[in-house]
């Protein structure tokens, strides 16, 4: 979990190796950077790795498109959880934070805004 700029995590059922720790640290650094740029510092945003088996896909979804990155937003408490079953990357983090910043905007709008911000 995340509290301000301190990272706490639960390692139930898995060992955290150096590479995974570096990835986690990099993800949170990216998250902090964009949370600040988007004016979302009052929000607590957590990253949660989930098992690919937790996500159900239609049978017509090709295997290469079977991944999940999404955010659960709790506006009343100003909490967001980015769930992911693949490695995160900057574009995905920015995209999910934009769902918080511009709650209710459509996916096409969020995609365009993500591209626009990353060009700057």
Protein backbone atom coordinates (compact mmCIF):
# COMPACT_ATOMS: atom_id res chain seq x y z
CA UNK A 1 0.00 0.00 0.00
CA UNK A 2 1.01 3.58 -0.35
CA UNK A 3 1.02 6.38 2.19
CA UNK A 4 2.35 9.69 0.91
CA UNK A 5 5.73 8.83 -0.59
CA UNK A 6 6.31 5.69 1.46
CA UNK A 7 5.63 2.30 -0.06
CA UNK A 8 4.22 -0.53 2.03
CA UNK A 9 3.40 -3.82 0.42
CA UNK A 10 2.01 -7.17 1.32
CA UNK A 11 4.09 -10.09 0.13
CA UNK A 12 1.66 -12.86 0.99
CA UNK A 13 2.30 -16.01 -1.01
CA UNK A 14 5.28 -14.63 -2.93
CA UNK A 15 8.88 -13.61 -2.51
CA UNK A 16 9.86 -10.14 -3.70
CA UNK A 17 13.15 -10.30 -5.64
CA UNK A 18 15.45 -7.36 -6.41
CA UNK A 19 14.16 -6.96 -9.98
CA UNK A 20 10.55 -6.99 -8.78
CA UNK A 21 11.38 -4.44 -6.06
CA UNK A 22 13.02 -2.16 -8.63
CA UNK A 23 9.95 -2.45 -10.86
CA UNK A 24 7.65 -1.69 -7.94
CA UNK A 25 9.80 1.30 -6.96
CA UNK A 26 9.86 2.57 -10.56
CA UNK A 27 6.09 2.17 -10.85
CA UNK A 28 5.48 4.16 -7.68
CA UNK A 29 7.95 6.86 -8.76
CA UNK A 30 6.04 7.19 -12.04
CA UNK A 31 2.77 7.19 -10.13
CA UNK A 32 3.98 9.95 -7.75
CA UNK A 33 5.27 12.05 -10.63
CA UNK A 34 2.00 11.92 -12.60
CA UNK A 35 -0.23 12.15 -9.53
CA UNK A 36 1.48 15.45 -8.78
CA UNK A 37 1.41 16.71 -12.40
CA UNK A 38 -2.32 15.99 -12.59
CA UNK A 39 -3.09 17.68 -9.27
CA UNK A 40 -4.17 14.47 -7.56
CA UNK A 41 -1.92 14.64 -4.49
CA UNK A 42 -4.91 14.42 -2.15
CA UNK A 43 -5.67 10.98 -3.60
CA UNK A 44 -4.19 7.72 -2.30
CA UNK A 45 -3.48 5.54 -5.31
CA UNK A 46 -2.39 1.94 -4.85
CA UNK A 47 -0.99 -0.58 -7.31
CA UNK A 48 -2.17 -4.16 -7.02
CA UNK A 49 -0.83 -7.02 -9.08
CA UNK A 50 -3.53 -9.61 -9.71
CA UNK A 51 -3.43 -13.09 -11.19
CA UNK A 52 -4.37 -13.35 -14.87
CA UNK A 53 -6.78 -16.09 -13.78
CA UNK A 54 -8.86 -13.49 -11.93
CA UNK A 55 -9.90 -11.90 -15.22
CA UNK A 56 -12.55 -13.45 -17.45
CA UNK A 57 -12.40 -12.87 -21.21
CA UNK A 58 -14.82 -13.66 -24.01
CA UNK A 59 -13.67 -16.62 -26.08
CA UNK A 60 -13.16 -14.36 -29.12
CA UNK A 61 -10.42 -12.29 -27.40
CA UNK A 62 -7.03 -13.35 -28.85
CA UNK A 63 -4.45 -14.56 -26.31
CA UNK A 64 -2.15 -11.57 -27.00
CA UNK A 65 -4.97 -9.22 -25.95
CA UNK A 66 -5.67 -11.04 -22.70
CA UNK A 67 -4.21 -8.68 -20.14
CA UNK A 68 -5.78 -6.34 -17.64
CA UNK A 69 -4.94 -2.86 -16.39
CA UNK A 70 -7.77 -0.92 -14.78
CA UNK A 71 -8.54 1.38 -11.89
CA UNK A 72 -11.16 1.15 -9.18
CA UNK A 73 -12.09 4.67 -8.09
CA UNK A 74 -13.58 5.48 -4.68
CA UNK A 75 -14.23 9.22 -5.01
CA UNK A 76 -15.81 9.64 -1.58
CA UNK A 77 -12.59 8.51 0.12
CA UNK A 78 -10.26 9.74 -2.65
CA UNK A 79 -8.78 6.29 -3.09
CA UNK A 80 -7.88 4.54 -6.32
CA UNK A 81 -6.51 1.07 -6.94
CA UNK A 82 -4.81 0.25 -10.22
CA UNK A 83 -5.21 -3.48 -10.76
CA UNK A 84 -2.90 -5.10 -13.29
CA UNK A 85 -1.91 -8.58 -14.39
CA UNK A 86 0.99 -7.43 -16.58
CA UNK A 87 3.95 -5.15 -15.96
CA UNK A 88 2.93 -1.51 -15.75
CA UNK A 89 4.42 1.22 -17.92
CA UNK A 90 4.16 5.00 -17.88
CA UNK A 91 1.42 5.29 -20.48
CA UNK A 92 -0.80 2.86 -18.56
CA UNK A 93 -0.28 4.68 -15.26
CA UNK A 94 -1.06 8.08 -16.84
CA UNK A 95 -4.12 6.61 -18.56
CA UNK A 96 -5.54 5.21 -15.31
CA UNK A 97 -4.83 8.44 -13.39
CA UNK A 98 -6.71 10.38 -16.07
CA UNK A 99 -9.78 8.28 -15.25
CA UNK A 100 -9.53 9.74 -11.74
CA UNK A 101 -8.86 13.31 -12.87
CA UNK A 102 -11.60 13.30 -15.50
CA UNK A 103 -14.07 10.87 -13.96
CA UNK A 104 -16.86 10.07 -16.38
CA UNK A 105 -14.97 10.91 -19.57
CA UNK A 106 -15.07 8.21 -22.23
CA UNK A 107 -12.28 5.83 -23.13
CA UNK A 108 -11.58 7.53 -26.47
CA UNK A 109 -11.20 10.91 -24.76
CA UNK A 110 -8.90 9.43 -22.10
CA UNK A 111 -6.78 7.75 -24.81
CA UNK A 112 -6.33 11.04 -26.68
CA UNK A 113 -5.53 12.97 -23.48
CA UNK A 114 -2.95 10.32 -22.53
CA UNK A 115 -1.20 10.69 -25.90
CA UNK A 116 -1.31 14.49 -25.61
CA UNK A 117 0.25 14.53 -22.12
CA UNK A 118 3.00 12.08 -22.99
CA UNK A 119 4.08 14.21 -25.97
CA UNK A 120 4.85 17.15 -23.68
